[in-house]
Amino acid sequence: MNITDFDGIIFDLDGTFIDSMDVWHEVDVEFFKRRGIPLPPDYKETIKTMHFVSAAEYTKEEFNLPDSVNSIIEEWRSLCMKQYKTTVPLKDGAGEFIKFCKENGLKTAYATASDDDLCKAVLEHNGVLHLFDSKTYVHEAGKDKTHPDVYLLAAKKIGVTPSKCLVVEDILAGLKSAKNAGFTAIAMFDESSANDWDEMRKTADKSIHSFKELL
């Protein structure tokens, strides 16, 4: 795969561009511990394509919590913000790779189910926020990543057609959605999706463990 044959690239963030999934596991454990509830084994899988609001709504309803949706979101944000501002790193080679993309004329974007404040914090901390031309959030698209809407909106913002755009993702649902919409998909390995790795490799046009493999 020749990256310079494309006009744009869309990155997922958590688990793909930034190495943050351990932080989110810790957040989930602490959140449920505070309420005396064991962390459900399927919780991560259930919410991983959702936006913050949808995930909070699901959590409130599924576990019959008295907390408001907004208070759940604020608790999640406060539990991980310090680490996003100070310690959460990029995935291996991510910084070098996005600089390579910019130097070779690709438009760059991120498409994420995460929170705007957290995204800005971690990208600023790692010195790469200015290297993105655009940002798109799942809530803007109105559908989670089991649908291609967030990638299509991200591509529209940077003025690139799906056929000339790459999508890098660490979840199977996102890869399938991107492929179905005509994007070229790259699967990034992350331990949080290790159980899906074989199918991710079959779905994607290329699979990697490090962005250095694309340089």
N, C-alpha and C. Protein backbone atom coordinates (compact mmCIF):
# COMPACT_ATOMS: atom_id res chain seq x y z
N MET A 1 0.84 -1.20 0.00
CA MET A 1 0.00 0.00 0.00
C MET A 1 0.88 1.25 0.00
N ASN A 2 0.64 2.14 -0.95
CA ASN A 2 1.38 3.40 -1.04
C ASN A 2 0.50 4.52 -0.48
N ILE A 3 0.87 5.02 0.68
CA ILE A 3 0.06 6.04 1.35
C ILE A 3 -0.10 7.29 0.48
N THR A 4 0.91 7.63 -0.27
CA THR A 4 0.87 8.85 -1.07
C THR A 4 -0.05 8.75 -2.29
N ASP A 5 -0.63 7.58 -2.53
CA ASP A 5 -1.63 7.44 -3.59
C ASP A 5 -2.99 8.00 -3.15
N PHE A 6 -3.13 8.32 -1.86
CA PHE A 6 -4.41 8.79 -1.32
C PHE A 6 -4.37 10.29 -1.07
N ASP A 7 -5.56 10.88 -1.00
CA ASP A 7 -5.68 12.32 -0.78
C ASP A 7 -5.96 12.68 0.68
N GLY A 8 -6.42 11.71 1.46
CA GLY A 8 -6.76 11.99 2.85
C GLY A 8 -6.72 10.76 3.72
N ILE A 9 -6.69 10.99 5.02
CA ILE A 9 -6.66 9.89 5.99
C ILE A 9 -7.45 10.29 7.23
N ILE A 10 -8.26 9.36 7.70
CA ILE A 10 -9.09 9.56 8.89
C ILE A 10 -8.64 8.57 9.96
N PHE A 11 -8.31 9.09 11.13
CA PHE A 11 -7.88 8.26 12.24
C PHE A 11 -8.97 8.17 13.31
N ASP A 12 -9.23 6.98 13.79
CA ASP A 12 -9.86 6.86 15.10
C ASP A 12 -8.79 7.28 16.11
N LEU A 13 -9.22 7.66 17.32
CA LEU A 13 -8.23 8.06 18.32
C LEU A 13 -7.95 6.97 19.35
N ASP A 14 -8.87 6.72 20.28
CA ASP A 14 -8.61 5.77 21.37
C ASP A 14 -8.36 4.37 20.84
N GLY A 15 -7.17 3.86 21.16
CA GLY A 15 -6.80 2.51 20.74
C GLY A 15 -6.18 2.45 19.36
N THR A 16 -6.31 3.54 18.60
CA THR A 16 -5.77 3.59 17.24
C THR A 16 -4.61 4.57 17.14
N PHE A 17 -4.89 5.83 17.40
CA PHE A 17 -3.85 6.86 17.33
C PHE A 17 -3.22 7.13 18.68
N ILE A 18 -4.00 6.96 19.75
CA ILE A 18 -3.47 7.13 21.10
C ILE A 18 -3.63 5.82 21.88
N ASP A 19 -2.68 5.58 22.77
CA ASP A 19 -2.63 4.32 23.51
C ASP A 19 -3.34 4.51 24.85
N SER A 20 -4.67 4.49 24.81
CA SER A 20 -5.47 4.92 25.96
C SER A 20 -6.41 3.88 26.53
N MET A 21 -6.47 2.70 25.93
CA MET A 21 -7.53 1.77 26.34
C MET A 21 -7.34 1.24 27.76
N ASP A 22 -6.11 1.17 28.25
CA ASP A 22 -5.89 0.78 29.64
C ASP A 22 -6.51 1.81 30.59
N VAL A 23 -6.43 3.08 30.21
CA VAL A 23 -7.03 4.13 31.02
C VAL A 23 -8.53 3.93 31.12
N TRP A 24 -9.16 3.63 29.99
CA TRP A 24 -10.61 3.46 30.00
C TRP A 24 -11.03 2.23 30.79
N HIS A 25 -10.22 1.19 30.77
CA HIS A 25 -10.53 0.03 31.60
C HIS A 25 -10.50 0.41 33.08
N GLU A 26 -9.49 1.19 33.45
CA GLU A 26 -9.39 1.65 34.85
C GLU A 26 -10.58 2.52 35.23
N VAL A 27 -11.02 3.37 34.30
CA VAL A 27 -12.19 4.22 34.55
C VAL A 27 -13.43 3.36 34.78
N ASP A 28 -13.62 2.36 33.94
CA ASP A 28 -14.79 1.48 34.08
C ASP A 28 -14.77 0.75 35.41
N VAL A 29 -13.61 0.21 35.77
CA VAL A 29 -13.49 -0.51 37.03
C VAL A 29 -13.83 0.39 38.21
N GLU A 30 -13.25 1.58 38.22
CA GLU A 30 -13.47 2.52 39.33
C GLU A 30 -14.92 3.00 39.37
N PHE A 31 -15.50 3.26 38.22
CA PHE A 31 -16.88 3.74 38.16
C PHE A 31 -17.84 2.73 38.79
N PHE A 32 -17.71 1.48 38.42
CA PHE A 32 -18.61 0.46 38.96
C PHE A 32 -18.27 0.11 40.41
N LYS A 33 -16.98 0.17 40.74
CA LYS A 33 -16.56 -0.10 42.12
C LYS A 33 -17.22 0.89 43.07
N ARG A 34 -17.28 2.15 42.68
CA ARG A 34 -17.91 3.18 43.52
C ARG A 34 -19.38 2.88 43.80
N ARG A 35 -19.98 2.07 42.96
CA ARG A 35 -21.40 1.76 43.10
C ARG A 35 -21.65 0.34 43.57
N GLY A 36 -20.56 -0.35 43.92
CA GLY A 36 -20.69 -1.71 44.43
C GLY A 36 -21.14 -2.72 43.40
N ILE A 37 -20.81 -2.43 42.13
CA ILE A 37 -21.22 -3.31 41.03
C ILE A 37 -19.97 -3.88 40.36
N PRO A 38 -19.88 -5.20 40.23
CA PRO A 38 -18.74 -5.77 39.50
C PRO A 38 -18.77 -5.30 38.04
N LEU A 39 -17.61 -5.08 37.46
CA LEU A 39 -17.55 -4.66 36.06
C LEU A 39 -18.10 -5.78 35.17
N PRO A 40 -19.19 -5.53 34.45
CA PRO A 40 -19.76 -6.57 33.58
C PRO A 40 -18.76 -6.96 32.49
N PRO A 41 -18.57 -8.25 32.23
CA PRO A 41 -17.55 -8.68 31.27
C PRO A 41 -17.80 -8.20 29.85
N ASP A 42 -19.07 -7.93 29.50
CA ASP A 42 -19.37 -7.50 28.14
C ASP A 42 -19.56 -5.99 28.02
N TYR A 43 -19.28 -5.25 29.09
CA TYR A 43 -19.55 -3.81 29.10
C TYR A 43 -18.72 -3.07 28.06
N LYS A 44 -17.42 -3.33 28.04
CA LYS A 44 -16.53 -2.65 27.10
C LYS A 44 -16.98 -2.88 25.67
N GLU A 45 -17.31 -4.12 25.34
CA GLU A 45 -17.72 -4.46 23.98
C GLU A 45 -19.03 -3.76 23.62
N THR A 46 -19.92 -3.65 24.59
CA THR A 46 -21.24 -3.06 24.33
C THR A 46 -21.15 -1.58 24.01
N ILE A 47 -20.29 -0.84 24.72
CA ILE A 47 -20.29 0.61 24.57
C ILE A 47 -19.21 1.16 23.64
N LYS A 48 -18.34 0.31 23.12
CA LYS A 48 -17.13 0.85 22.46
C LYS A 48 -17.40 1.61 21.17
N THR A 49 -18.55 1.42 20.52
CA THR A 49 -18.84 2.20 19.33
C THR A 49 -19.70 3.43 19.64
N MET A 50 -20.13 3.58 20.90
CA MET A 50 -21.05 4.65 21.27
C MET A 50 -20.33 5.96 21.57
N HIS A 51 -21.05 7.06 21.41
CA HIS A 51 -20.57 8.36 21.90
C HIS A 51 -20.79 8.42 23.40
N PHE A 52 -20.13 9.41 24.04
CA PHE A 52 -20.24 9.58 25.49
C PHE A 52 -21.69 9.59 25.96
N VAL A 53 -22.53 10.38 25.30
CA VAL A 53 -23.92 10.54 25.74
C VAL A 53 -24.66 9.21 25.63
N SER A 54 -24.53 8.54 24.50
CA SER A 54 -25.20 7.25 24.31
C SER A 54 -24.72 6.22 25.33
N ALA A 55 -23.40 6.21 25.57
CA ALA A 55 -22.85 5.27 26.55
C ALA A 55 -23.36 5.56 27.95
N ALA A 56 -23.46 6.84 28.30
CA ALA A 56 -23.96 7.23 29.61
C ALA A 56 -25.44 6.88 29.75
N GLU A 57 -26.20 7.11 28.70
CA GLU A 57 -27.63 6.77 28.71
C GLU A 57 -27.81 5.26 28.89
N TYR A 58 -27.02 4.49 28.15
CA TYR A 58 -27.09 3.03 28.26
C TYR A 58 -26.73 2.59 29.69
N THR A 59 -25.66 3.15 30.23
CA THR A 59 -25.18 2.76 31.56
C THR A 59 -26.22 3.09 32.64
N LYS A 60 -26.79 4.26 32.55
CA LYS A 60 -27.82 4.68 33.52
C LYS A 60 -29.02 3.74 33.48
N GLU A 61 -29.49 3.45 32.27
CA GLU A 61 -30.69 2.61 32.12
C GLU A 61 -30.41 1.15 32.46
N GLU A 62 -29.32 0.61 31.94
CA GLU A 62 -29.02 -0.81 32.11
C GLU A 62 -28.79 -1.17 33.57
N PHE A 63 -28.17 -0.26 34.33
CA PHE A 63 -27.83 -0.56 35.72
C PHE A 63 -28.69 0.20 36.72
N ASN A 64 -29.76 0.82 36.19
CA ASN A 64 -30.75 1.50 37.03
C ASN A 64 -30.09 2.47 38.01
N LEU A 65 -29.21 3.33 37.47
CA LEU A 65 -28.45 4.25 38.31
C LEU A 65 -29.25 5.53 38.58
N PRO A 66 -29.14 6.08 39.78
CA PRO A 66 -29.83 7.34 40.09
C PRO A 66 -29.13 8.55 39.48
N ASP A 67 -27.88 8.40 39.05
CA ASP A 67 -27.10 9.49 38.49
C ASP A 67 -27.74 10.02 37.21
N SER A 68 -27.59 11.31 36.97
CA SER A 68 -28.02 11.88 35.69
C SER A 68 -27.00 11.51 34.62
N VAL A 69 -27.43 11.57 33.38
CA VAL A 69 -26.52 11.30 32.27
C VAL A 69 -25.34 12.26 32.30
N ASN A 70 -25.62 13.53 32.57
CA ASN A 70 -24.53 14.53 32.61
C ASN A 70 -23.54 14.25 33.73
N SER A 71 -24.04 13.80 34.88
CA SER A 71 -23.12 13.54 35.99
C SER A 71 -22.26 12.31 35.71
N ILE A 72 -22.80 11.33 35.01
CA ILE A 72 -22.01 10.16 34.61
C ILE A 72 -20.89 10.59 33.67
N ILE A 73 -21.22 11.41 32.70
CA ILE A 73 -20.23 11.90 31.74
C ILE A 73 -19.13 12.69 32.45
N GLU A 74 -19.52 13.55 33.37
CA GLU A 74 -18.53 14.36 34.09
C GLU A 74 -17.64 13.49 34.97
N GLU A 75 -18.20 12.44 35.53
CA GLU A 75 -17.39 11.54 36.36
C GLU A 75 -16.37 10.82 35.50
N TRP A 76 -16.80 10.31 34.35
CA TRP A 76 -15.86 9.66 33.44
C TRP A 76 -14.74 10.61 33.03
N ARG A 77 -15.14 11.84 32.66
CA ARG A 77 -14.16 12.81 32.20
C ARG A 77 -13.15 13.13 33.31
N SER A 78 -13.64 13.32 34.53
CA SER A 78 -12.74 13.69 35.62
C SER A 78 -11.80 12.54 35.98
N LEU A 79 -12.26 11.30 35.82
CA LEU A 79 -11.43 10.14 36.14
C LEU A 79 -10.25 9.99 35.18
N CYS A 80 -10.42 10.45 33.95
CA CYS A 80 -9.33 10.22 32.99
C CYS A 80 -8.65 11.48 32.49
N MET A 81 -9.19 12.66 32.78
CA MET A 81 -8.63 13.88 32.20
C MET A 81 -7.17 14.10 32.58
N LYS A 82 -6.82 13.88 33.84
CA LYS A 82 -5.44 14.12 34.26
C LYS A 82 -4.46 13.29 33.44
N GLN A 83 -4.81 12.02 33.22
CA GLN A 83 -3.91 11.16 32.44
C GLN A 83 -3.87 11.60 30.98
N TYR A 84 -4.99 12.03 30.44
CA TYR A 84 -5.00 12.51 29.05
C TYR A 84 -4.15 13.76 28.89
N LYS A 85 -4.11 14.58 29.91
CA LYS A 85 -3.32 15.81 29.86
C LYS A 85 -1.83 15.58 30.06
N THR A 86 -1.46 14.46 30.71
CA THR A 86 -0.08 14.33 31.15
C THR A 86 0.64 13.04 30.75
N THR A 87 -0.05 11.92 30.68
CA THR A 87 0.68 10.66 30.53
C THR A 87 0.27 9.77 29.36
N VAL A 88 -0.95 9.91 28.85
CA VAL A 88 -1.40 9.01 27.77
C VAL A 88 -0.55 9.26 26.52
N PRO A 89 0.11 8.22 26.01
CA PRO A 89 0.99 8.41 24.85
C PRO A 89 0.27 8.14 23.53
N LEU A 90 0.93 8.48 22.44
CA LEU A 90 0.48 8.08 21.12
C LEU A 90 0.82 6.61 20.90
N LYS A 91 0.13 5.98 19.97
CA LYS A 91 0.52 4.64 19.56
C LYS A 91 1.87 4.72 18.85
N ASP A 92 2.57 3.60 18.83
CA ASP A 92 3.92 3.57 18.29
C ASP A 92 3.96 4.11 16.86
N GLY A 93 4.78 5.12 16.64
CA GLY A 93 4.98 5.67 15.31
C GLY A 93 3.93 6.66 14.84
N ALA A 94 2.91 6.94 15.67
CA ALA A 94 1.79 7.78 15.23
C ALA A 94 2.24 9.20 14.91
N GLY A 95 3.09 9.77 15.75
CA GLY A 95 3.55 11.13 15.52
C GLY A 95 4.33 11.26 14.23
N GLU A 96 5.25 10.34 14.01
CA GLU A 96 6.05 10.36 12.79
C GLU A 96 5.17 10.15 11.55
N PHE A 97 4.17 9.27 11.70
CA PHE A 97 3.34 8.95 10.54
C PHE A 97 2.46 10.12 10.13
N ILE A 98 1.84 10.81 11.08
CA ILE A 98 0.97 11.92 10.69
C ILE A 98 1.80 13.06 10.10
N LYS A 99 3.02 13.24 10.56
CA LYS A 99 3.90 14.24 9.94
C LYS A 99 4.22 13.84 8.51
N PHE A 100 4.45 12.57 8.29
CA PHE A 100 4.68 12.05 6.94
C PHE A 100 3.49 12.34 6.04
N CYS A 101 2.28 12.10 6.56
CA CYS A 101 1.06 12.36 5.78
C CYS A 101 0.96 13.83 5.39
N LYS A 102 1.21 14.71 6.35
CA LYS A 102 1.13 16.14 6.07
C LYS A 102 2.18 16.57 5.06
N GLU A 103 3.38 16.05 5.22
CA GLU A 103 4.47 16.41 4.30
C GLU A 103 4.20 15.95 2.87
N ASN A 104 3.37 14.92 2.74
CA ASN A 104 3.06 14.38 1.42
C ASN A 104 1.68 14.81 0.91
N GLY A 105 1.11 15.83 1.54
CA GLY A 105 -0.08 16.46 1.00
C GLY A 105 -1.41 15.82 1.34
N LEU A 106 -1.44 14.84 2.23
CA LEU A 106 -2.71 14.24 2.62
C LEU A 106 -3.45 15.14 3.60
N LYS A 107 -4.77 15.25 3.42
CA LYS A 107 -5.61 15.90 4.41
C LYS A 107 -5.80 14.93 5.57
N THR A 108 -5.77 15.45 6.79
CA THR A 108 -5.83 14.59 7.97
C THR A 108 -7.02 14.94 8.85
N ALA A 109 -7.66 13.91 9.39
CA ALA A 109 -8.82 14.11 10.25
C ALA A 109 -8.87 13.02 11.30
N TYR A 110 -9.57 13.30 12.38
CA TYR A 110 -9.91 12.21 13.29
C TYR A 110 -11.41 12.11 13.44
N ALA A 111 -11.87 10.87 13.60
CA ALA A 111 -13.29 10.57 13.76
C ALA A 111 -13.42 9.68 14.98
N THR A 112 -14.12 10.16 16.00
CA THR A 112 -14.07 9.47 17.28
C THR A 112 -15.40 9.50 18.02
N ALA A 113 -15.56 8.53 18.89
CA ALA A 113 -16.71 8.50 19.79
C ALA A 113 -16.38 9.14 21.13
N SER A 114 -15.18 9.66 21.26
CA SER A 114 -14.72 10.23 22.52
C SER A 114 -15.25 11.66 22.71
N ASP A 115 -14.70 12.33 23.69
CA ASP A 115 -15.13 13.65 24.11
C ASP A 115 -14.16 14.71 23.60
N ASP A 116 -14.67 15.86 23.17
CA ASP A 116 -13.84 16.90 22.57
C ASP A 116 -12.73 17.37 23.51
N ASP A 117 -13.05 17.61 24.77
CA ASP A 117 -12.05 18.09 25.72
C ASP A 117 -10.92 17.08 25.92
N LEU A 118 -11.28 15.81 25.99
CA LEU A 118 -10.26 14.77 26.16
C LEU A 118 -9.38 14.66 24.92
N CYS A 119 -10.00 14.73 23.75
CA CYS A 119 -9.22 14.64 22.51
C CYS A 119 -8.22 15.77 22.41
N LYS A 120 -8.68 16.98 22.66
CA LYS A 120 -7.78 18.14 22.60
C LYS A 120 -6.65 18.01 23.62
N ALA A 121 -7.00 17.55 24.82
CA ALA A 121 -5.99 17.44 25.88
C ALA A 121 -4.88 16.47 25.50
N VAL A 122 -5.23 15.30 25.03
CA VAL A 122 -4.21 14.29 24.75
C VAL A 122 -3.41 14.65 23.50
N LEU A 123 -4.04 15.25 22.50
CA LEU A 123 -3.31 15.61 21.29
C LEU A 123 -2.40 16.81 21.52
N GLU A 124 -2.84 17.75 22.35
CA GLU A 124 -1.97 18.88 22.72
C GLU A 124 -0.78 18.40 23.55
N HIS A 125 -1.06 17.52 24.51
CA HIS A 125 0.01 16.97 25.36
C HIS A 125 1.08 16.29 24.52
N ASN A 126 0.67 15.62 23.45
CA ASN A 126 1.62 14.92 22.59
C ASN A 126 2.12 15.76 21.41
N GLY A 127 1.70 17.02 21.35
CA GLY A 127 2.22 17.95 20.36
C GLY A 127 1.79 17.72 18.93
N VAL A 128 0.59 17.12 18.74
CA VAL A 128 0.17 16.80 17.37
C VAL A 128 -1.19 17.39 17.00
N LEU A 129 -1.83 18.13 17.88
CA LEU A 129 -3.17 18.65 17.59
C LEU A 129 -3.17 19.48 16.30
N HIS A 130 -2.13 20.27 16.10
CA HIS A 130 -2.07 21.16 14.94
C HIS A 130 -1.90 20.42 13.62
N LEU A 131 -1.61 19.13 13.69
CA LEU A 131 -1.41 18.35 12.47
C LEU A 131 -2.70 17.78 11.90
N PHE A 132 -3.81 17.99 12.57
CA PHE A 132 -5.11 17.53 12.08
C PHE A 132 -5.84 18.69 11.41
N ASP A 133 -6.34 18.44 10.20
CA ASP A 133 -7.10 19.45 9.47
C ASP A 133 -8.54 19.53 9.94
N SER A 134 -9.06 18.45 10.51
CA SER A 134 -10.47 18.43 10.87
C SER A 134 -10.72 17.41 11.96
N LYS A 135 -11.83 17.57 12.65
CA LYS A 135 -12.26 16.62 13.69
C LYS A 135 -13.74 16.35 13.51
N THR A 136 -14.14 15.12 13.75
CA THR A 136 -15.55 14.75 13.65
C THR A 136 -15.89 13.79 14.78
N TYR A 137 -17.03 14.03 15.40
CA TYR A 137 -17.47 13.21 16.53
C TYR A 137 -18.73 12.43 16.16
N VAL A 138 -18.84 11.25 16.75
CA VAL A 138 -19.97 10.38 16.45
C VAL A 138 -21.30 11.09 16.65
N HIS A 139 -21.39 11.91 17.69
CA HIS A 139 -22.68 12.58 17.95
C HIS A 139 -23.05 13.54 16.83
N GLU A 140 -22.07 14.09 16.11
CA GLU A 140 -22.35 14.96 14.97
C GLU A 140 -23.02 14.18 13.85
N ALA A 141 -22.54 12.95 13.64
CA ALA A 141 -23.06 12.12 12.56
C ALA A 141 -24.43 11.53 12.89
N GLY A 142 -24.72 11.43 14.19
CA GLY A 142 -26.03 10.93 14.61
C GLY A 142 -26.13 9.43 14.69
N LYS A 143 -25.06 8.72 14.36
CA LYS A 143 -25.06 7.26 14.43
C LYS A 143 -23.69 6.80 14.92
N ASP A 144 -23.66 5.63 15.57
CA ASP A 144 -22.39 5.12 16.08
C ASP A 144 -21.59 4.49 14.95
N LYS A 145 -20.46 3.90 15.31
CA LYS A 145 -19.54 3.41 14.29
C LYS A 145 -19.93 2.07 13.66
N THR A 146 -21.08 1.56 14.02
CA THR A 146 -21.62 0.43 13.26
C THR A 146 -22.19 0.93 11.94
N HIS A 147 -22.23 2.24 11.77
CA HIS A 147 -22.67 2.90 10.54
C HIS A 147 -21.51 3.76 10.02
N PRO A 148 -21.45 4.02 8.71
CA PRO A 148 -20.32 4.76 8.15
C PRO A 148 -20.43 6.28 8.24
N ASP A 149 -21.52 6.78 8.82
CA ASP A 149 -21.82 8.22 8.76
C ASP A 149 -20.69 9.10 9.28
N VAL A 150 -20.04 8.70 10.37
CA VAL A 150 -18.99 9.54 10.95
C VAL A 150 -17.79 9.64 10.02
N TYR A 151 -17.48 8.56 9.31
CA TYR A 151 -16.36 8.59 8.36
C TYR A 151 -16.71 9.41 7.12
N LEU A 152 -17.95 9.27 6.66
CA LEU A 152 -18.39 10.05 5.50
C LEU A 152 -18.39 11.54 5.81
N LEU A 153 -18.84 11.90 7.02
CA LEU A 153 -18.83 13.30 7.41
C LEU A 153 -17.41 13.83 7.54
N ALA A 154 -16.53 13.02 8.13
CA ALA A 154 -15.12 13.42 8.26
C ALA A 154 -14.48 13.63 6.89
N ALA A 155 -14.76 12.74 5.96
CA ALA A 155 -14.21 12.87 4.60
C ALA A 155 -14.75 14.13 3.92
N LYS A 156 -16.03 14.39 4.12
CA LYS A 156 -16.64 15.59 3.53
C LYS A 156 -15.97 16.86 4.05
N LYS A 157 -15.67 16.87 5.35
CA LYS A 157 -15.06 18.06 5.95
C LYS A 157 -13.68 18.36 5.36
N ILE A 158 -12.94 17.32 4.98
CA ILE A 158 -11.61 17.55 4.42
C ILE A 158 -11.62 17.53 2.88
N GLY A 159 -12.82 17.38 2.31
CA GLY A 159 -12.97 17.47 0.86
C GLY A 159 -12.36 16.32 0.09
N VAL A 160 -12.47 15.11 0.65
CA VAL A 160 -11.89 13.93 0.02
C VAL A 160 -12.98 12.87 -0.18
N THR A 161 -12.99 12.23 -1.34
CA THR A 161 -13.95 11.17 -1.59
C THR A 161 -13.50 9.88 -0.91
N PRO A 162 -14.44 9.00 -0.52
CA PRO A 162 -14.06 7.75 0.14
C PRO A 162 -13.05 6.92 -0.65
N SER A 163 -13.17 6.93 -1.96
CA SER A 163 -12.27 6.10 -2.77
C SER A 163 -10.82 6.58 -2.72
N LYS A 164 -10.61 7.82 -2.29
CA LYS A 164 -9.25 8.37 -2.19
C LYS A 164 -8.86 8.65 -0.73
N CYS A 165 -9.53 7.95 0.19
CA CYS A 165 -9.32 8.23 1.61
C CYS A 165 -9.09 6.94 2.40
N LEU A 166 -8.15 7.00 3.31
CA LEU A 166 -7.86 5.90 4.23
C LEU A 166 -8.59 6.11 5.54
N VAL A 167 -8.98 5.01 6.17
CA VAL A 167 -9.52 5.04 7.53
C VAL A 167 -8.69 4.06 8.36
N VAL A 168 -8.20 4.53 9.51
CA VAL A 168 -7.44 3.66 10.41
C VAL A 168 -8.27 3.44 11.66
N GLU A 169 -8.53 2.20 12.00
CA GLU A 169 -9.42 1.85 13.12
C GLU A 169 -8.88 0.65 13.90
N ASP A 170 -9.27 0.58 15.18
CA ASP A 170 -8.89 -0.56 16.01
C ASP A 170 -10.09 -1.40 16.41
N ILE A 171 -11.26 -1.11 15.83
CA ILE A 171 -12.43 -1.94 16.14
C ILE A 171 -13.03 -2.51 14.86
N LEU A 172 -13.53 -3.72 14.96
CA LEU A 172 -14.07 -4.43 13.80
C LEU A 172 -15.26 -3.69 13.19
N ALA A 173 -16.17 -3.21 14.02
CA ALA A 173 -17.36 -2.53 13.50
C ALA A 173 -16.99 -1.32 12.66
N GLY A 174 -15.99 -0.57 13.11
CA GLY A 174 -15.56 0.60 12.35
C GLY A 174 -14.94 0.22 11.02
N LEU A 175 -14.13 -0.82 11.01
CA LEU A 175 -13.53 -1.27 9.76
C LEU A 175 -14.58 -1.71 8.76
N LYS A 176 -15.57 -2.45 9.23
CA LYS A 176 -16.64 -2.91 8.34
C LYS A 176 -17.42 -1.74 7.77
N SER A 177 -17.73 -0.77 8.62
CA SER A 177 -18.48 0.41 8.16
C SER A 177 -17.70 1.18 7.12
N ALA A 178 -16.41 1.39 7.39
CA ALA A 178 -15.57 2.14 6.45
C ALA A 178 -15.47 1.42 5.11
N LYS A 179 -15.24 0.13 5.15
CA LYS A 179 -15.13 -0.64 3.92
C LYS A 179 -16.44 -0.60 3.13
N ASN A 180 -17.56 -0.73 3.82
CA ASN A 180 -18.86 -0.72 3.14
C ASN A 180 -19.16 0.62 2.47
N ALA A 181 -18.52 1.69 2.97
CA ALA A 181 -18.74 3.02 2.41
C ALA A 181 -17.71 3.38 1.33
N GLY A 182 -16.81 2.45 1.02
CA GLY A 182 -15.88 2.68 -0.07
C GLY A 182 -14.51 3.19 0.31
N PHE A 183 -14.22 3.26 1.63
CA PHE A 183 -12.90 3.68 2.09
C PHE A 183 -11.92 2.52 2.01
N THR A 184 -10.64 2.83 1.95
CA THR A 184 -9.59 1.83 2.16
C THR A 184 -9.30 1.80 3.66
N ALA A 185 -9.36 0.62 4.25
CA ALA A 185 -9.30 0.50 5.71
C ALA A 185 -8.01 -0.16 6.18
N ILE A 186 -7.44 0.42 7.24
CA ILE A 186 -6.25 -0.12 7.88
C ILE A 186 -6.62 -0.50 9.31
N ALA A 187 -6.36 -1.74 9.68
CA ALA A 187 -6.63 -2.22 11.03
C ALA A 187 -5.41 -2.01 11.91
N MET A 188 -5.60 -1.30 13.02
CA MET A 188 -4.54 -1.12 14.01
C MET A 188 -4.77 -2.08 15.17
N PHE A 189 -3.77 -2.85 15.52
CA PHE A 189 -3.92 -3.78 16.64
C PHE A 189 -3.95 -3.04 17.97
N ASP A 190 -4.88 -3.44 18.82
CA ASP A 190 -4.92 -2.99 20.20
C ASP A 190 -5.40 -4.16 21.05
N GLU A 191 -4.84 -4.30 22.23
CA GLU A 191 -5.19 -5.43 23.09
C GLU A 191 -6.69 -5.47 23.39
N SER A 192 -7.33 -4.31 23.41
CA SER A 192 -8.75 -4.27 23.73
C SER A 192 -9.61 -4.96 22.67
N SER A 193 -9.08 -5.10 21.45
CA SER A 193 -9.83 -5.77 20.38
C SER A 193 -9.13 -7.04 19.89
N ALA A 194 -8.26 -7.57 20.74
CA ALA A 194 -7.46 -8.73 20.33
C ALA A 194 -8.31 -9.92 19.90
N ASN A 195 -9.46 -10.10 20.54
CA ASN A 195 -10.32 -11.23 20.19
C ASN A 195 -10.87 -11.14 18.78
N ASP A 196 -10.92 -9.93 18.23
CA ASP A 196 -11.45 -9.72 16.88
C ASP A 196 -10.35 -9.62 15.83
N TRP A 197 -9.09 -9.78 16.23
CA TRP A 197 -7.99 -9.45 15.34
C TRP A 197 -8.00 -10.25 14.05
N ASP A 198 -8.27 -11.53 14.12
CA ASP A 198 -8.28 -12.35 12.90
C ASP A 198 -9.31 -11.84 11.90
N GLU A 199 -10.49 -11.52 12.37
CA GLU A 199 -11.54 -11.01 11.47
C GLU A 199 -11.22 -9.59 11.02
N MET A 200 -10.60 -8.80 11.88
CA MET A 200 -10.19 -7.45 11.49
C MET A 200 -9.19 -7.51 10.35
N ARG A 201 -8.25 -8.43 10.43
CA ARG A 201 -7.24 -8.57 9.38
C ARG A 201 -7.87 -8.97 8.06
N LYS A 202 -8.89 -9.83 8.12
CA LYS A 202 -9.59 -10.25 6.90
C LYS A 202 -10.42 -9.12 6.31
N THR A 203 -10.96 -8.27 7.17
CA THR A 203 -11.83 -7.18 6.73
C THR A 203 -11.04 -6.03 6.12
N ALA A 204 -9.92 -5.69 6.75
CA ALA A 204 -9.14 -4.51 6.35
C ALA A 204 -8.30 -4.78 5.11
N ASP A 205 -7.89 -3.70 4.47
CA ASP A 205 -6.98 -3.79 3.33
C ASP A 205 -5.54 -4.01 3.78
N LYS A 206 -5.25 -3.57 5.01
CA LYS A 206 -3.93 -3.77 5.59
C LYS A 206 -4.08 -3.79 7.10
N SER A 207 -3.24 -4.56 7.78
CA SER A 207 -3.27 -4.61 9.24
C SER A 207 -1.88 -4.32 9.77
N ILE A 208 -1.83 -3.56 10.87
CA ILE A 208 -0.54 -3.13 11.43
C ILE A 208 -0.55 -3.21 12.96
N HIS A 209 0.64 -3.29 13.53
CA HIS A 209 0.82 -3.17 14.97
C HIS A 209 1.48 -1.84 15.33
N SER A 210 2.03 -1.15 14.36
CA SER A 210 2.71 0.11 14.56
C SER A 210 2.58 0.94 13.30
N PHE A 211 2.45 2.26 13.46
CA PHE A 211 2.40 3.14 12.29
C PHE A 211 3.72 3.15 11.53
N LYS A 212 4.78 2.69 12.17
CA LYS A 212 6.08 2.62 11.48
C LYS A 212 6.03 1.66 10.29
N GLU A 213 5.08 0.74 10.33
CA GLU A 213 4.92 -0.21 9.22
C GLU A 213 4.41 0.47 7.95
N LEU A 214 3.90 1.69 8.07
CA LEU A 214 3.36 2.42 6.92
C LEU A 214 4.35 3.43 6.37
N LEU A 215 5.48 3.61 7.05
CA LEU A 215 6.46 4.60 6.62
C LEU A 215 7.44 4.01 5.60
